Amino acid sequence: MGVIDTVSELFDSGGHHYRFRCDDCGTEFAQRAATVEDLTCPDCGAETVRPAEAA
């Protein structure tokens, strides 16, 4: 998870974020969207994004 994602999650006052993972590059990121429809990886642009495994 990137620094911006971490800071955003800590200080964001609006809504719940859902965690996703890119199958192509492995990047994990947070989005307000609850589904993977129309989501792309913020790092590589791939559309092979799925919900991240719960830790």
PDB file of N, CA and C in Angstrom:
ATOM      1  N   MET A   1       0.862  -1.170   0.000  1.00  0.00           N
ATOM      2  CA  MET A   1       0.000   0.000   0.000  1.00  0.00           C
ATOM      3  C   MET A   1       0.904   1.226   0.000  1.00  0.00           C
ATOM      4  N   GLY A   2       0.539   2.222  -0.807  1.00  0.00           N
ATOM      5  CA  GLY A   2       1.333   3.433  -0.907  1.00  0.00           C
ATOM      6  C   GLY A   2       1.050   4.402   0.222  1.00  0.00           C
ATOM      7  N   VAL A   3       1.943   5.351   0.363  1.00  0.00           N
ATOM      8  CA  VAL A   3       1.822   6.369   1.413  1.00  0.00           C
ATOM      9  C   VAL A   3       0.544   7.180   1.222  1.00  0.00           C
ATOM     10  N   ILE A   4       0.224   7.520  -0.015  1.00  0.00           N
ATOM     11  CA  ILE A   4      -0.979   8.319  -0.259  1.00  0.00           C
ATOM     12  C   ILE A   4      -2.228   7.552   0.137  1.00  0.00           C
ATOM     13  N   ASP A   5      -2.280   6.248  -0.166  1.00  0.00           N
ATOM     14  CA  ASP A   5      -3.426   5.430   0.254  1.00  0.00           C
ATOM     15  C   ASP A   5      -3.551   5.418   1.767  1.00  0.00           C
ATOM     16  N   THR A   6      -2.426   5.252   2.452  1.00  0.00           N
ATOM     17  CA  THR A   6      -2.433   5.197   3.915  1.00  0.00           C
ATOM     18  C   THR A   6      -2.934   6.504   4.506  1.00  0.00           C
ATOM     19  N   VAL A   7      -2.397   7.618   4.053  1.00  0.00           N
ATOM     20  CA  VAL A   7      -2.801   8.932   4.564  1.00  0.00           C
ATOM     21  C   VAL A   7      -4.259   9.193   4.239  1.00  0.00           C
ATOM     22  N   SER A   8      -4.668   8.846   3.027  1.00  0.00           N
ATOM     23  CA  SER A   8      -6.057   9.042   2.628  1.00  0.00           C
ATOM     24  C   SER A   8      -7.005   8.259   3.527  1.00  0.00           C
ATOM     25  N   GLU A   9      -6.656   7.009   3.825  1.00  0.00           N
ATOM     26  CA  GLU A   9      -7.505   6.186   4.685  1.00  0.00           C
ATOM     27  C   GLU A   9      -7.572   6.736   6.103  1.00  0.00           C
ATOM     28  N   LEU A  10      -6.461   7.284   6.597  1.00  0.00           N
ATOM     29  CA  LEU A  10      -6.428   7.801   7.962  1.00  0.00           C
ATOM     30  C   LEU A  10      -7.222   9.087   8.119  1.00  0.00           C
ATOM     31  N   PHE A  11      -7.194   9.943   7.111  1.00  0.00           N
ATOM     32  CA  PHE A  11      -7.784  11.269   7.251  1.00  0.00           C
ATOM     33  C   PHE A  11      -9.035  11.502   6.429  1.00  0.00           C
ATOM     34  N   ASP A  12      -9.458  10.545   5.647  1.00  0.00           N
ATOM     35  CA  ASP A  12     -10.636  10.723   4.820  1.00  0.00           C
ATOM     36  C   ASP A  12     -11.875  10.699   5.700  1.00  0.00           C
ATOM     37  N   SER A  13     -12.729  11.675   5.494  1.00  0.00           N
ATOM     38  CA  SER A  13     -13.941  11.760   6.309  1.00  0.00           C
ATOM     39  C   SER A  13     -15.174  11.248   5.574  1.00  0.00           C
ATOM     40  N   GLY A  14     -15.022  10.837   4.331  1.00  0.00           N
ATOM     41  CA  GLY A  14     -16.210  10.471   3.569  1.00  0.00           C
ATOM     42  C   GLY A  14     -16.263   9.020   3.152  1.00  0.00           C
ATOM     43  N   GLY A  15     -17.101   8.253   3.793  1.00  0.00           N
ATOM     44  CA  GLY A  15     -17.410   6.913   3.329  1.00  0.00           C
ATOM     45  C   GLY A  15     -16.364   5.848   3.593  1.00  0.00           C
ATOM     46  N   HIS A  16     -16.772   4.639   3.258  1.00  0.00           N
ATOM     47  CA  HIS A  16     -15.941   3.463   3.465  1.00  0.00           C
ATOM     48  C   HIS A  16     -15.125   3.174   2.216  1.00  0.00           C
ATOM     49  N   HIS A  17     -13.893   2.739   2.416  1.00  0.00           N
ATOM     50  CA  HIS A  17     -13.042   2.351   1.292  1.00  0.00           C
ATOM     51  C   HIS A  17     -12.958   0.828   1.241  1.00  0.00           C
ATOM     52  N   TYR A  18     -12.905   0.308   0.046  1.00  0.00           N
ATOM     53  CA  TYR A  18     -12.765  -1.124  -0.181  1.00  0.00           C
ATOM     54  C   TYR A  18     -11.378  -1.372  -0.765  1.00  0.00           C
ATOM     55  N   ARG A  19     -10.742  -2.458  -0.363  1.00  0.00           N
ATOM     56  CA  ARG A  19      -9.393  -2.793  -0.814  1.00  0.00           C
ATOM     57  C   ARG A  19      -9.456  -3.687  -2.054  1.00  0.00           C
ATOM     58  N   PHE A  20      -8.611  -3.363  -3.020  1.00  0.00           N
ATOM     59  CA  PHE A  20      -8.518  -4.127  -4.249  1.00  0.00           C
ATOM     60  C   PHE A  20      -7.067  -4.452  -4.541  1.00  0.00           C
ATOM     61  N   ARG A  21      -6.854  -5.476  -5.373  1.00  0.00           N
ATOM     62  CA  ARG A  21      -5.510  -5.898  -5.767  1.00  0.00           C
ATOM     63  C   ARG A  21      -5.488  -6.142  -7.270  1.00  0.00           C
ATOM     64  N   CYS A  22      -4.416  -5.678  -7.902  1.00  0.00           N
ATOM     65  CA  CYS A  22      -4.232  -5.886  -9.338  1.00  0.00           C
ATOM     66  C   CYS A  22      -3.568  -7.241  -9.561  1.00  0.00           C
ATOM     67  N   ASP A  23      -4.174  -8.064 -10.420  1.00  0.00           N
ATOM     68  CA  ASP A  23      -3.592  -9.372 -10.734  1.00  0.00           C
ATOM     69  C   ASP A  23      -2.339  -9.247 -11.597  1.00  0.00           C
ATOM     70  N   ASP A  24      -2.209  -8.155 -12.342  1.00  0.00           N
ATOM     71  CA  ASP A  24      -1.055  -7.995 -13.229  1.00  0.00           C
ATOM     72  C   ASP A  24       0.215  -7.581 -12.490  1.00  0.00           C
ATOM     73  N   CYS A  25       0.132  -6.529 -11.653  1.00  0.00           N
ATOM     74  CA  CYS A  25       1.344  -6.011 -11.006  1.00  0.00           C
ATOM     75  C   CYS A  25       1.374  -6.202  -9.493  1.00  0.00           C
ATOM     76  N   GLY A  26       0.247  -6.629  -8.894  1.00  0.00           N
ATOM     77  CA  GLY A  26       0.219  -6.895  -7.462  1.00  0.00           C
ATOM     78  C   GLY A  26      -0.061  -5.693  -6.580  1.00  0.00           C
ATOM     79  N   THR A  27      -0.297  -4.537  -7.169  1.00  0.00           N
ATOM     80  CA  THR A  27      -0.574  -3.338  -6.391  1.00  0.00           C
ATOM     81  C   THR A  27      -1.878  -3.488  -5.624  1.00  0.00           C
ATOM     82  N   GLU A  28      -1.867  -3.114  -4.345  1.00  0.00           N
ATOM     83  CA  GLU A  28      -3.093  -3.044  -3.558  1.00  0.00           C
ATOM     84  C   GLU A  28      -3.449  -1.585  -3.378  1.00  0.00           C
ATOM     85  N   PHE A  29      -4.744  -1.294  -3.501  1.00  0.00           N
ATOM     86  CA  PHE A  29      -5.184   0.092  -3.392  1.00  0.00           C
ATOM     87  C   PHE A  29      -6.601   0.143  -2.839  1.00  0.00           C
ATOM     88  N   ALA A  30      -7.006   1.314  -2.372  1.00  0.00           N
ATOM     89  CA  ALA A  30      -8.333   1.510  -1.793  1.00  0.00           C
ATOM     90  C   ALA A  30      -9.174   2.367  -2.726  1.00  0.00           C
ATOM     91  N   GLN A  31     -10.447   2.026  -2.825  1.00  0.00           N
ATOM     92  CA  GLN A  31     -11.407   2.786  -3.621  1.00  0.00           C
ATOM     93  C   GLN A  31     -12.725   2.828  -2.866  1.00  0.00           C
ATOM     94  N   ARG A  32     -13.526   3.822  -3.153  1.00  0.00           N
ATOM     95  CA  ARG A  32     -14.853   3.893  -2.535  1.00  0.00           C
ATOM     96  C   ARG A  32     -15.828   2.925  -3.197  1.00  0.00           C
ATOM     97  N   ALA A  33     -15.536   2.504  -4.399  1.00  0.00           N
ATOM     98  CA  ALA A  33     -16.407   1.562  -5.116  1.00  0.00           C
ATOM     99  C   ALA A  33     -16.410   0.212  -4.412  1.00  0.00           C
ATOM    100  N   ALA A  34     -17.568  -0.416  -4.372  1.00  0.00           N
ATOM    101  CA  ALA A  34     -17.672  -1.718  -3.715  1.00  0.00           C
ATOM    102  C   ALA A  34     -17.479  -2.873  -4.693  1.00  0.00           C
ATOM    103  N   THR A  35     -17.485  -2.593  -5.999  1.00  0.00           N
ATOM    104  CA  THR A  35     -17.321  -3.643  -6.999  1.00  0.00           C
ATOM    105  C   THR A  35     -16.153  -3.299  -7.927  1.00  0.00           C
ATOM    106  N   VAL A  36     -15.703  -4.283  -8.671  1.00  0.00           N
ATOM    107  CA  VAL A  36     -14.567  -4.088  -9.562  1.00  0.00           C
ATOM    108  C   VAL A  36     -14.972  -3.576 -10.949  1.00  0.00           C
ATOM    109  N   GLU A  37     -16.255  -3.416 -11.193  1.00  0.00           N
ATOM    110  CA  GLU A  37     -16.702  -2.902 -12.488  1.00  0.00           C
ATOM    111  C   GLU A  37     -16.082  -1.535 -12.745  1.00  0.00           C
ATOM    112  N   ASP A  38     -15.480  -1.393 -13.910  1.00  0.00           N
ATOM    113  CA  ASP A  38     -14.879  -0.135 -14.358  1.00  0.00           C
ATOM    114  C   ASP A  38     -13.666   0.315 -13.542  1.00  0.00           C
ATOM    115  N   LEU A  39     -13.116  -0.553 -12.684  1.00  0.00           N
ATOM    116  CA  LEU A  39     -11.905  -0.189 -11.941  1.00  0.00           C
ATOM    117  C   LEU A  39     -10.678  -0.588 -12.733  1.00  0.00           C
ATOM    118  N   THR A  40      -9.666   0.250 -12.677  1.00  0.00           N
ATOM    119  CA  THR A  40      -8.371  -0.075 -13.265  1.00  0.00           C
ATOM    120  C   THR A  40      -7.299   0.178 -12.218  1.00  0.00           C
ATOM    121  N   CYS A  41      -6.187  -0.506 -12.354  1.00  0.00           N
ATOM    122  CA  CYS A  41      -5.075  -0.356 -11.421  1.00  0.00           C
ATOM    123  C   CYS A  41      -4.493   1.055 -11.553  1.00  0.00           C
ATOM    124  N   PRO A  42      -4.289   1.743 -10.425  1.00  0.00           N
ATOM    125  CA  PRO A  42      -3.724   3.095 -10.494  1.00  0.00           C
ATOM    126  C   PRO A  42      -2.256   3.105 -10.907  1.00  0.00           C
ATOM    127  N   ASP A  43      -1.559   1.972 -10.797  1.00  0.00           N
ATOM    128  CA  ASP A  43      -0.141   1.920 -11.160  1.00  0.00           C
ATOM    129  C   ASP A  43       0.091   1.514 -12.607  1.00  0.00           C
ATOM    130  N   CYS A  44      -0.556   0.427 -13.058  1.00  0.00           N
ATOM    131  CA  CYS A  44      -0.264  -0.080 -14.404  1.00  0.00           C
ATOM    132  C   CYS A  44      -1.426   0.072 -15.382  1.00  0.00           C
ATOM    133  N   GLY A  45      -2.618   0.426 -14.891  1.00  0.00           N
ATOM    134  CA  GLY A  45      -3.764   0.633 -15.763  1.00  0.00           C
ATOM    135  C   GLY A  45      -4.512  -0.626 -16.161  1.00  0.00           C
ATOM    136  N   ALA A  46      -4.090  -1.778 -15.651  1.00  0.00           N
ATOM    137  CA  ALA A  46      -4.743  -3.039 -16.000  1.00  0.00           C
ATOM    138  C   ALA A  46      -6.170  -3.084 -15.452  1.00  0.00           C
ATOM    139  N   GLU A  47      -7.005  -3.842 -16.134  1.00  0.00           N
ATOM    140  CA  GLU A  47      -8.393  -4.015 -15.700  1.00  0.00           C
ATOM    141  C   GLU A  47      -8.592  -5.312 -14.930  1.00  0.00           C
ATOM    142  N   THR A  48      -7.511  -6.043 -14.654  1.00  0.00           N
ATOM    143  CA  THR A  48      -7.598  -7.308 -13.924  1.00  0.00           C
ATOM    144  C   THR A  48      -7.475  -7.046 -12.428  1.00  0.00           C
ATOM    145  N   VAL A  49      -8.502  -6.383 -11.908  1.00  0.00           N
ATOM    146  CA  VAL A  49      -8.543  -5.977 -10.504  1.00  0.00           C
ATOM    147  C   VAL A  49      -9.576  -6.826  -9.789  1.00  0.00           C
ATOM    148  N   ARG A  50      -9.249  -7.238  -8.562  1.00  0.00           N
ATOM    149  CA  ARG A  50     -10.185  -8.045  -7.764  1.00  0.00           C
ATOM    150  C   ARG A  50     -10.119  -7.561  -6.318  1.00  0.00           C
ATOM    151  N   PRO A  51     -11.119  -7.913  -5.518  1.00  0.00           N
ATOM    152  CA  PRO A  51     -11.060  -7.545  -4.099  1.00  0.00           C
ATOM    153  C   PRO A  51      -9.839  -8.171  -3.434  1.00  0.00           C
ATOM    154  N   ALA A  52      -9.195  -7.404  -2.573  1.00  0.00           N
ATOM    155  CA  ALA A  52      -8.024  -7.898  -1.855  1.00  0.00           C
ATOM    156  C   ALA A  52      -8.458  -8.856  -0.759  1.00  0.00           C
ATOM    157  N   GLU A  53      -7.608  -9.818  -0.466  1.00  0.00           N
ATOM    158  CA  GLU A  53      -7.864 -10.763   0.620  1.00  0.00           C
ATOM    159  C   GLU A  53      -7.842 -10.028   1.950  1.00  0.00           C
ATOM    160  N   ALA A  54      -8.740 -10.382   2.844  1.00  0.00           N
ATOM    161  CA  ALA A  54      -8.757  -9.774   4.177  1.00  0.00           C
ATOM    162  C   ALA A  54      -7.559 -10.258   4.956  1.00  0.00           C
ATOM    163  N   ALA A  55      -6.952  -9.360   5.675  1.00  0.00           N
ATOM    164  CA  ALA A  55      -5.755  -9.700   6.465  1.00  0.00           C
ATOM    165  C   ALA A  55      -6.122 -10.286   7.801  1.00  0.00           C
TER     166      ALA A  55
END
